PDB file of all heavy atoms in Angstrom:
ATOM      1  N   GLN A   1     -23.251  12.551   3.008  1.00  0.00           N
ATOM      2  CA  GLN A   1     -24.015  12.619   1.769  1.00  0.00           C
ATOM      3  C   GLN A   1     -23.788  13.999   1.147  1.00  0.00           C
ATOM      4  O   GLN A   1     -24.605  14.884   1.279  1.00  0.00           O
ATOM      5  CB  GLN A   1     -25.494  12.356   2.036  1.00  0.00           C
ATOM      6  CG  GLN A   1     -25.772  11.024   2.703  1.00  0.00           C
ATOM      7  CD  GLN A   1     -25.306   9.837   1.866  1.00  0.00           C
ATOM      8  OE1 GLN A   1     -25.402   9.849   0.651  1.00  0.00           O
ATOM      9  NE2 GLN A   1     -24.784   8.816   2.531  1.00  0.00           N
ATOM     10  N   MET A   2     -22.648  14.149   0.483  1.00  0.00           N
ATOM     11  CA  MET A   2     -22.277  15.434  -0.104  1.00  0.00           C
ATOM     12  C   MET A   2     -22.640  15.449  -1.586  1.00  0.00           C
ATOM     13  O   MET A   2     -22.436  14.471  -2.296  1.00  0.00           O
ATOM     14  CB  MET A   2     -20.768  15.690   0.038  1.00  0.00           C
ATOM     15  CG  MET A   2     -20.268  15.700   1.453  1.00  0.00           C
ATOM     16  SD  MET A   2     -20.854  17.153   2.313  1.00  0.00           S
ATOM     17  CE  MET A   2     -20.062  16.964   3.875  1.00  0.00           C
ATOM     18  N   SER A   3     -23.146  16.558  -2.018  1.00  0.00           N
ATOM     19  CA  SER A   3     -23.476  16.735  -3.427  1.00  0.00           C
ATOM     20  C   SER A   3     -22.184  16.842  -4.234  1.00  0.00           C
ATOM     21  O   SER A   3     -21.231  17.495  -3.806  1.00  0.00           O
ATOM     22  CB  SER A   3     -24.304  18.003  -3.600  1.00  0.00           C
ATOM     23  OG  SER A   3     -24.448  18.310  -4.955  1.00  0.00           O
ATOM     24  N   PRO A   4     -22.151  16.229  -5.413  1.00  0.00           N
ATOM     25  CA  PRO A   4     -20.937  16.328  -6.238  1.00  0.00           C
ATOM     26  C   PRO A   4     -20.660  17.755  -6.724  1.00  0.00           C
ATOM     27  O   PRO A   4     -19.543  18.056  -7.127  1.00  0.00           O
ATOM     28  CB  PRO A   4     -21.205  15.395  -7.411  1.00  0.00           C
ATOM     29  CG  PRO A   4     -22.607  14.938  -7.297  1.00  0.00           C
ATOM     30  CD  PRO A   4     -23.158  15.376  -5.997  1.00  0.00           C
ATOM     31  N   GLU A   5     -21.689  18.629  -6.681  1.00  0.00           N
ATOM     32  CA  GLU A   5     -21.494  20.003  -7.132  1.00  0.00           C
ATOM     33  C   GLU A   5     -20.777  20.874  -6.104  1.00  0.00           C
ATOM     34  O   GLU A   5     -20.335  21.970  -6.416  1.00  0.00           O
ATOM     35  CB  GLU A   5     -22.850  20.661  -7.465  1.00  0.00           C
ATOM     36  CG  GLU A   5     -23.490  20.115  -8.719  1.00  0.00           C
ATOM     37  CD  GLU A   5     -24.472  19.000  -8.409  1.00  0.00           C
ATOM     38  OE1 GLU A   5     -25.112  19.045  -7.345  1.00  0.00           O
ATOM     39  OE2 GLU A   5     -24.572  18.079  -9.230  1.00  0.00           O
ATOM     40  N   ILE A   6     -20.672  20.408  -4.877  1.00  0.00           N
ATOM     41  CA  ILE A   6     -20.013  21.202  -3.842  1.00  0.00           C
ATOM     42  C   ILE A   6     -18.519  21.247  -4.128  1.00  0.00           C
ATOM     43  O   ILE A   6     -17.873  20.223  -4.324  1.00  0.00           O
ATOM     44  CB  ILE A   6     -20.266  20.621  -2.438  1.00  0.00           C
ATOM     45  CG1 ILE A   6     -21.743  20.698  -2.087  1.00  0.00           C
ATOM     46  CG2 ILE A   6     -19.435  21.364  -1.390  1.00  0.00           C
ATOM     47  CD1 ILE A   6     -22.091  20.048  -0.758  1.00  0.00           C
ATOM     48  N   ASP A   7     -17.989  22.460  -4.145  1.00  0.00           N
ATOM     49  CA  ASP A   7     -16.559  22.647  -4.377  1.00  0.00           C
ATOM     50  C   ASP A   7     -15.904  22.996  -3.045  1.00  0.00           C
ATOM     51  O   ASP A   7     -16.235  24.009  -2.428  1.00  0.00           O
ATOM     52  CB  ASP A   7     -16.326  23.763  -5.393  1.00  0.00           C
ATOM     53  CG  ASP A   7     -14.858  23.967  -5.693  1.00  0.00           C
ATOM     54  OD1 ASP A   7     -14.043  23.068  -5.412  1.00  0.00           O
ATOM     55  OD2 ASP A   7     -14.514  25.042  -6.217  1.00  0.00           O
ATOM     56  N   PHE A   8     -15.005  22.148  -2.607  1.00  0.00           N
ATOM     57  CA  PHE A   8     -14.325  22.373  -1.334  1.00  0.00           C
ATOM     58  C   PHE A   8     -12.991  23.078  -1.521  1.00  0.00           C
ATOM     59  O   PHE A   8     -12.157  23.093  -0.638  1.00  0.00           O
ATOM     60  CB  PHE A   8     -14.099  21.043  -0.605  1.00  0.00           C
ATOM     61  CG  PHE A   8     -15.367  20.446  -0.076  1.00  0.00           C
ATOM     62  CD1 PHE A   8     -15.957  19.367  -0.717  1.00  0.00           C
ATOM     63  CD2 PHE A   8     -15.983  20.958   1.048  1.00  0.00           C
ATOM     64  CE1 PHE A   8     -17.129  18.810  -0.230  1.00  0.00           C
ATOM     65  CE2 PHE A   8     -17.146  20.420   1.542  1.00  0.00           C
ATOM     66  CZ  PHE A   8     -17.728  19.340   0.896  1.00  0.00           C
ATOM     67  N   GLY A   9     -12.781  23.646  -2.689  1.00  0.00           N
ATOM     68  CA  GLY A   9     -11.532  24.340  -2.952  1.00  0.00           C
ATOM     69  C   GLY A   9     -10.525  23.413  -3.608  1.00  0.00           C
ATOM     70  O   GLY A   9     -10.810  22.252  -3.896  1.00  0.00           O
ATOM     71  N   PRO A  10      -9.341  23.924  -3.855  1.00  0.00           N
ATOM     72  CA  PRO A  10      -8.327  23.112  -4.536  1.00  0.00           C
ATOM     73  C   PRO A  10      -7.867  21.946  -3.660  1.00  0.00           C
ATOM     74  O   PRO A  10      -7.829  22.046  -2.437  1.00  0.00           O
ATOM     75  CB  PRO A  10      -7.183  24.096  -4.785  1.00  0.00           C
ATOM     76  CG  PRO A  10      -7.366  25.158  -3.753  1.00  0.00           C
ATOM     77  CD  PRO A  10      -8.846  25.255  -3.490  1.00  0.00           C
ATOM     78  N   ASP A  11      -7.547  20.846  -4.329  1.00  0.00           N
ATOM     79  CA  ASP A  11      -7.015  19.693  -3.610  1.00  0.00           C
ATOM     80  C   ASP A  11      -5.635  20.031  -3.068  1.00  0.00           C
ATOM     81  O   ASP A  11      -4.830  20.688  -3.731  1.00  0.00           O
ATOM     82  CB  ASP A  11      -6.888  18.479  -4.543  1.00  0.00           C
ATOM     83  CG  ASP A  11      -8.244  17.951  -4.976  1.00  0.00           C
ATOM     84  OD1 ASP A  11      -9.244  18.270  -4.316  1.00  0.00           O
ATOM     85  OD2 ASP A  11      -8.284  17.216  -5.973  1.00  0.00           O
ATOM     86  N   ILE A  12      -5.381  19.585  -1.857  1.00  0.00           N
ATOM     87  CA  ILE A  12      -4.064  19.772  -1.254  1.00  0.00           C
ATOM     88  C   ILE A  12      -3.184  18.640  -1.745  1.00  0.00           C
ATOM     89  O   ILE A  12      -3.531  17.468  -1.603  1.00  0.00           O
ATOM     90  CB  ILE A  12      -4.162  19.775   0.283  1.00  0.00           C
ATOM     91  CG1 ILE A  12      -5.031  20.928   0.741  1.00  0.00           C
ATOM     92  CG2 ILE A  12      -2.780  19.836   0.914  1.00  0.00           C
ATOM     93  CD1 ILE A  12      -5.375  20.890   2.212  1.00  0.00           C
ATOM     94  N   ASP A  13      -2.067  18.992  -2.357  1.00  0.00           N
ATOM     95  CA  ASP A  13      -1.174  17.973  -2.890  1.00  0.00           C
ATOM     96  C   ASP A  13       0.115  17.963  -2.075  1.00  0.00           C
ATOM     97  O   ASP A  13       1.082  18.624  -2.418  1.00  0.00           O
ATOM     98  CB  ASP A  13      -0.882  18.233  -4.363  1.00  0.00           C
ATOM     99  CG  ASP A  13      -0.080  17.106  -4.990  1.00  0.00           C
ATOM    100  OD1 ASP A  13      -0.205  15.956  -4.520  1.00  0.00           O
ATOM    101  OD2 ASP A  13       0.682  17.364  -5.937  1.00  0.00           O
ATOM    102  N   THR A  14       0.092  17.234  -0.973  1.00  0.00           N
ATOM    103  CA  THR A  14       1.267  17.124  -0.116  1.00  0.00           C
ATOM    104  C   THR A  14       2.199  16.083  -0.723  1.00  0.00           C
ATOM    105  O   THR A  14       1.799  14.941  -0.932  1.00  0.00           O
ATOM    106  CB  THR A  14       0.860  16.705   1.305  1.00  0.00           C
ATOM    107  OG1 THR A  14      -0.104  17.637   1.793  1.00  0.00           O
ATOM    108  CG2 THR A  14       2.064  16.673   2.226  1.00  0.00           C
ATOM    109  N   PRO A  15       3.434  16.469  -1.019  1.00  0.00           N
ATOM    110  CA  PRO A  15       4.347  15.516  -1.648  1.00  0.00           C
ATOM    111  C   PRO A  15       4.791  14.413  -0.700  1.00  0.00           C
ATOM    112  O   PRO A  15       4.809  14.583   0.515  1.00  0.00           O
ATOM    113  CB  PRO A  15       5.538  16.384  -2.070  1.00  0.00           C
ATOM    114  CG  PRO A  15       5.487  17.567  -1.168  1.00  0.00           C
ATOM    115  CD  PRO A  15       4.036  17.767  -0.803  1.00  0.00           C
ATOM    116  N   ILE A  16       5.125  13.288  -1.282  1.00  0.00           N
ATOM    117  CA  ILE A  16       5.698  12.167  -0.532  1.00  0.00           C
ATOM    118  C   ILE A  16       7.193  12.217  -0.802  1.00  0.00           C
ATOM    119  O   ILE A  16       7.664  11.803  -1.857  1.00  0.00           O
ATOM    120  CB  ILE A  16       5.078  10.828  -0.973  1.00  0.00           C
ATOM    121  CG1 ILE A  16       3.597  10.832  -0.622  1.00  0.00           C
ATOM    122  CG2 ILE A  16       5.809   9.653  -0.342  1.00  0.00           C
ATOM    123  CD1 ILE A  16       2.836   9.618  -1.074  1.00  0.00           C
ATOM    124  N   ASP A  17       7.933  12.791   0.155  1.00  0.00           N
ATOM    125  CA  ASP A  17       9.364  13.006  -0.025  1.00  0.00           C
ATOM    126  C   ASP A  17      10.227  11.933   0.623  1.00  0.00           C
ATOM    127  O   ASP A  17      11.410  11.878   0.376  1.00  0.00           O
ATOM    128  CB  ASP A  17       9.775  14.360   0.552  1.00  0.00           C
ATOM    129  CG  ASP A  17       9.231  15.514  -0.261  1.00  0.00           C
ATOM    130  OD1 ASP A  17       9.091  15.365  -1.482  1.00  0.00           O
ATOM    131  OD2 ASP A  17       8.927  16.559   0.332  1.00  0.00           O
ATOM    132  N   GLY A  18       9.669  11.137   1.474  1.00  0.00           N
ATOM    133  CA  GLY A  18      10.436  10.111   2.158  1.00  0.00           C
ATOM    134  C   GLY A  18       9.704   9.635   3.387  1.00  0.00           C
ATOM    135  O   GLY A  18       8.611  10.107   3.714  1.00  0.00           O
ATOM    136  N   LEU A  19      10.307   8.696   4.061  1.00  0.00           N
ATOM    137  CA  LEU A  19       9.678   8.052   5.210  1.00  0.00           C
ATOM    138  C   LEU A  19       9.315   9.052   6.308  1.00  0.00           C
ATOM    139  O   LEU A  19       8.221   9.009   6.861  1.00  0.00           O
ATOM    140  CB  LEU A  19      10.614   6.968   5.752  1.00  0.00           C
ATOM    141  CG  LEU A  19      10.107   6.063   6.853  1.00  0.00           C
ATOM    142  CD1 LEU A  19       8.782   5.422   6.477  1.00  0.00           C
ATOM    143  CD2 LEU A  19      11.136   4.986   7.149  1.00  0.00           C
ATOM    144  N   THR A  20      10.194   9.974   6.597  1.00  0.00           N
ATOM    145  CA  THR A  20       9.923  10.949   7.656  1.00  0.00           C
ATOM    146  C   THR A  20       8.773  11.872   7.272  1.00  0.00           C
ATOM    147  O   THR A  20       7.884  12.133   8.085  1.00  0.00           O
ATOM    148  CB  THR A  20      11.190  11.758   7.980  1.00  0.00           C
ATOM    149  OG1 THR A  20      12.226  10.843   8.372  1.00  0.00           O
ATOM    150  CG2 THR A  20      10.946  12.743   9.105  1.00  0.00           C
ATOM    151  N   SER A  21       8.761  12.346   6.034  1.00  0.00           N
ATOM    152  CA  SER A  21       7.682  13.250   5.621  1.00  0.00           C
ATOM    153  C   SER A  21       6.336  12.536   5.608  1.00  0.00           C
ATOM    154  O   SER A  21       5.311  13.143   5.938  1.00  0.00           O
ATOM    155  CB  SER A  21       7.979  13.868   4.254  1.00  0.00           C
ATOM    156  OG  SER A  21       7.831  12.922   3.212  1.00  0.00           O
ATOM    157  N   VAL A  22       6.311  11.259   5.259  1.00  0.00           N
ATOM    158  CA  VAL A  22       5.070  10.480   5.285  1.00  0.00           C
ATOM    159  C   VAL A  22       4.570  10.385   6.721  1.00  0.00           C
ATOM    160  O   VAL A  22       3.385  10.617   6.993  1.00  0.00           O
ATOM    161  CB  VAL A  22       5.274   9.075   4.676  1.00  0.00           C
ATOM    162  CG1 VAL A  22       4.074   8.175   4.935  1.00  0.00           C
ATOM    163  CG2 VAL A  22       5.549   9.175   3.186  1.00  0.00           C
ATOM    164  N   SER A  23       5.466  10.077   7.649  1.00  0.00           N
ATOM    165  CA  SER A  23       5.076   9.980   9.060  1.00  0.00           C
ATOM    166  C   SER A  23       4.565  11.309   9.597  1.00  0.00           C
ATOM    167  O   SER A  23       3.578  11.357  10.324  1.00  0.00           O
ATOM    168  CB  SER A  23       6.257   9.508   9.907  1.00  0.00           C
ATOM    169  OG  SER A  23       6.616   8.204   9.563  1.00  0.00           O
ATOM    170  N   VAL A  24       5.219  12.394   9.228  1.00  0.00           N
ATOM    171  CA  VAL A  24       4.819  13.725   9.690  1.00  0.00           C
ATOM    172  C   VAL A  24       3.416  14.050   9.191  1.00  0.00           C
ATOM    173  O   VAL A  24       2.553  14.481   9.962  1.00  0.00           O
ATOM    174  CB  VAL A  24       5.833  14.804   9.234  1.00  0.00           C
ATOM    175  CG1 VAL A  24       5.282  16.204   9.411  1.00  0.00           C
ATOM    176  CG2 VAL A  24       7.140  14.650   9.971  1.00  0.00           C
ATOM    177  N   HIS A  25       3.166  13.841   7.895  1.00  0.00           N
ATOM    178  CA  HIS A  25       1.864  14.218   7.347  1.00  0.00           C
ATOM    179  C   HIS A  25       0.741  13.311   7.866  1.00  0.00           C
ATOM    180  O   HIS A  25      -0.352  13.801   8.174  1.00  0.00           O
ATOM    181  CB  HIS A  25       1.889  14.223   5.816  1.00  0.00           C
ATOM    182  CG  HIS A  25       0.674  14.865   5.227  1.00  0.00           C
ATOM    183  ND1 HIS A  25       0.372  16.200   5.420  1.00  0.00           N
ATOM    184  CD2 HIS A  25      -0.334  14.360   4.491  1.00  0.00           C
ATOM    185  CE1 HIS A  25      -0.766  16.484   4.818  1.00  0.00           C
ATOM    186  NE2 HIS A  25      -1.223  15.385   4.245  1.00  0.00           N
ATOM    187  N   LEU A  26       1.001  12.023   7.972  1.00  0.00           N
ATOM    188  CA  LEU A  26      -0.037  11.127   8.501  1.00  0.00           C
ATOM    189  C   LEU A  26      -0.327  11.424   9.976  1.00  0.00           C
ATOM    190  O   LEU A  26      -1.470  11.329  10.409  1.00  0.00           O
ATOM    191  CB  LEU A  26       0.364   9.661   8.313  1.00  0.00           C
ATOM    192  CG  LEU A  26       0.326   9.153   6.868  1.00  0.00           C
ATOM    193  CD1 LEU A  26       0.796   7.703   6.805  1.00  0.00           C
ATOM    194  CD2 LEU A  26      -1.061   9.302   6.261  1.00  0.00           C
ATOM    195  N   SER A  27       0.691  11.805  10.736  1.00  0.00           N
ATOM    196  CA  SER A  27       0.466  12.206  12.135  1.00  0.00           C
ATOM    197  C   SER A  27      -0.399  13.454  12.201  1.00  0.00           C
ATOM    198  O   SER A  27      -1.285  13.571  13.058  1.00  0.00           O
ATOM    199  CB  SER A  27       1.797  12.464  12.840  1.00  0.00           C
ATOM    200  OG  SER A  27       2.541  11.282  12.938  1.00  0.00           O
ATOM    201  N   TYR A  28      -0.139  14.396  11.306  1.00  0.00           N
ATOM    202  CA  TYR A  28      -0.943  15.618  11.230  1.00  0.00           C
ATOM    203  C   TYR A  28      -2.408  15.278  10.937  1.00  0.00           C
ATOM    204  O   TYR A  28      -3.318  15.770  11.603  1.00  0.00           O
ATOM    205  CB  TYR A  28      -0.371  16.527  10.133  1.00  0.00           C
ATOM    206  CG  TYR A  28      -1.276  17.658   9.735  1.00  0.00           C
ATOM    207  CD1 TYR A  28      -1.360  18.823  10.493  1.00  0.00           C
ATOM    208  CD2 TYR A  28      -2.051  17.558   8.580  1.00  0.00           C
ATOM    209  CE1 TYR A  28      -2.193  19.857  10.121  1.00  0.00           C
ATOM    210  CE2 TYR A  28      -2.890  18.595   8.202  1.00  0.00           C
ATOM    211  CZ  TYR A  28      -2.963  19.742   8.969  1.00  0.00           C
ATOM    212  OH  TYR A  28      -3.793  20.757   8.596  1.00  0.00           O
ATOM    213  N   LEU A  29      -2.641  14.415   9.948  1.00  0.00           N
ATOM    214  CA  LEU A  29      -4.014  14.044   9.594  1.00  0.00           C
ATOM    215  C   LEU A  29      -4.686  13.263  10.719  1.00  0.00           C
ATOM    216  O   LEU A  29      -5.879  13.456  10.990  1.00  0.00           O
ATOM    217  CB  LEU A  29      -4.029  13.236   8.301  1.00  0.00           C
ATOM    218  CG  LEU A  29      -3.654  14.014   7.043  1.00  0.00           C
ATOM    219  CD1 LEU A  29      -3.565  13.084   5.852  1.00  0.00           C
ATOM    220  CD2 LEU A  29      -4.640  15.139   6.783  1.00  0.00           C
ATOM    221  N   GLN A  30      -3.933  12.414  11.380  1.00  0.00           N
ATOM    222  CA  GLN A  30      -4.490  11.649  12.491  1.00  0.00           C
ATOM    223  C   GLN A  30      -4.992  12.587  13.577  1.00  0.00           C
ATOM    224  O   GLN A  30      -6.090  12.412  14.118  1.00  0.00           O
ATOM    225  CB  GLN A  30      -3.440  10.706  13.056  1.00  0.00           C
ATOM    226  CG  GLN A  30      -3.937   9.904  14.247  1.00  0.00           C
ATOM    227  CD  GLN A  30      -2.826   9.195  14.972  1.00  0.00           C
ATOM    228  OE1 GLN A  30      -1.731   9.715  15.089  1.00  0.00           O
ATOM    229  NE2 GLN A  30      -3.110   7.994  15.436  1.00  0.00           N
ATOM    230  N   LEU A  31      -4.212  13.576  13.900  1.00  0.00           N
ATOM    231  CA  LEU A  31      -4.600  14.546  14.916  1.00  0.00           C
ATOM    232  C   LEU A  31      -5.858  15.308  14.504  1.00  0.00           C
ATOM    233  O   LEU A  31      -6.762  15.524  15.312  1.00  0.00           O
ATOM    234  CB  LEU A  31      -3.448  15.522  15.171  1.00  0.00           C
ATOM    235  CG  LEU A  31      -3.658  16.545  16.252  1.00  0.00           C
ATOM    236  CD1 LEU A  31      -3.726  15.872  17.614  1.00  0.00           C
ATOM    237  CD2 LEU A  31      -2.529  17.562  16.229  1.00  0.00           C
ATOM    238  N   ARG A  32      -5.943  15.698  13.249  1.00  0.00           N
ATOM    239  CA  ARG A  32      -7.097  16.460  12.766  1.00  0.00           C
ATOM    240  C   ARG A  32      -8.368  15.622  12.730  1.00  0.00           C
ATOM    241  O   ARG A  32      -9.459  16.157  12.827  1.00  0.00           O
ATOM    242  CB  ARG A  32      -6.829  17.037  11.376  1.00  0.00           C
ATOM    243  CG  ARG A  32      -5.697  18.079  11.295  1.00  0.00           C
ATOM    244  CD  ARG A  32      -5.726  19.033  12.459  1.00  0.00           C
ATOM    245  NE  ARG A  32      -4.723  20.054  12.434  1.00  0.00           N
ATOM    246  CZ  ARG A  32      -3.622  20.049  13.178  1.00  0.00           C
ATOM    247  NH1 ARG A  32      -3.325  19.043  13.951  1.00  0.00           N
ATOM    248  NH2 ARG A  32      -2.792  21.077  13.151  1.00  0.00           N
ATOM    249  N   LEU A  33      -8.254  14.325  12.605  1.00  0.00           N
ATOM    250  CA  LEU A  33      -9.429  13.451  12.560  1.00  0.00           C
ATOM    251  C   LEU A  33      -9.959  13.103  13.950  1.00  0.00           C
ATOM    252  O   LEU A  33     -10.946  12.397  14.073  1.00  0.00           O
ATOM    253  CB  LEU A  33      -9.118  12.171  11.786  1.00  0.00           C
ATOM    254  CG  LEU A  33      -8.996  12.357  10.273  1.00  0.00           C
ATOM    255  CD1 LEU A  33      -8.476  11.089   9.623  1.00  0.00           C
ATOM    256  CD2 LEU A  33     -10.318  12.774   9.667  1.00  0.00           C
ATOM    257  N   ARG A  34      -9.336  13.606  14.990  1.00  0.00           N
ATOM    258  CA  ARG A  34      -9.805  13.364  16.361  1.00  0.00           C
ATOM    259  C   ARG A  34     -10.839  14.382  16.811  1.00  0.00           C
ATOM    260  O   ARG A  34     -11.247  14.392  17.955  1.00  0.00           O
ATOM    261  CB  ARG A  34      -8.626  13.382  17.331  1.00  0.00           C
ATOM    262  CG  ARG A  34      -7.733  12.185  17.181  1.00  0.00           C
ATOM    263  CD  ARG A  34      -6.679  12.160  18.249  1.00  0.00           C
ATOM    264  NE  ARG A  34      -5.826  11.006  18.057  1.00  0.00           N
ATOM    265  CZ  ARG A  34      -4.576  10.960  18.438  1.00  0.00           C
ATOM    266  NH1 ARG A  34      -4.026  11.981  19.060  1.00  0.00           N
ATOM    267  NH2 ARG A  34      -3.864   9.878  18.230  1.00  0.00           N
ATOM    268  N   VAL A  35     -11.261  15.241  15.912  1.00  0.00           N
ATOM    269  CA  VAL A  35     -12.233  16.285  16.246  1.00  0.00           C
ATOM    270  C   VAL A  35     -13.629  15.669  16.295  1.00  0.00           C
ATOM    271  O   VAL A  35     -14.052  15.026  15.348  1.00  0.00           O
ATOM    272  CB  VAL A  35     -12.182  17.412  15.181  1.00  0.00           C
ATOM    273  CG1 VAL A  35     -13.256  18.444  15.438  1.00  0.00           C
ATOM    274  CG2 VAL A  35     -10.809  18.050  15.162  1.00  0.00           C
ATOM    275  N   PRO A  36     -14.357  15.836  17.395  1.00  0.00           N
ATOM    276  CA  PRO A  36     -15.725  15.291  17.466  1.00  0.00           C
ATOM    277  C   PRO A  36     -16.648  16.033  16.501  1.00  0.00           C
ATOM    278  O   PRO A  36     -16.383  17.184  16.203  1.00  0.00           O
ATOM    279  CB  PRO A  36     -16.149  15.526  18.903  1.00  0.00           C
ATOM    280  CG  PRO A  36     -14.989  16.098  19.613  1.00  0.00           C
ATOM    281  CD  PRO A  36     -13.931  16.458  18.615  1.00  0.00           C
ATOM    282  N   PRO A  37     -17.696  15.470  16.001  1.00  0.00           N
ATOM    283  CA  PRO A  37     -18.165  14.109  16.244  1.00  0.00           C
ATOM    284  C   PRO A  37     -17.426  13.135  15.333  1.00  0.00           C
ATOM    285  O   PRO A  37     -17.516  13.229  14.121  1.00  0.00           O
ATOM    286  CB  PRO A  37     -19.644  14.173  15.874  1.00  0.00           C
ATOM    287  CG  PRO A  37     -19.702  15.227  14.808  1.00  0.00           C
ATOM    288  CD  PRO A  37     -18.598  16.218  15.123  1.00  0.00           C
ATOM    289  N   ALA A  38     -16.697  12.225  15.907  1.00  0.00           N
ATOM    290  CA  ALA A  38     -15.858  11.325  15.131  1.00  0.00           C
ATOM    291  C   ALA A  38     -16.085   9.857  15.486  1.00  0.00           C
ATOM    292  O   ALA A  38     -15.212   9.033  15.273  1.00  0.00           O
ATOM    293  CB  ALA A  38     -14.397  11.688  15.332  1.00  0.00           C
TER     294      ALA A  38
END
């Protein structure tokens, strides 16, 4: 329940350069989402 006024900084715009880069970035995000409480 986050307030819309909260600014979390600039959006990260990771480019989609190809199949390998998509796999690399999604693997990175998957790892970061394993942090408890999850």
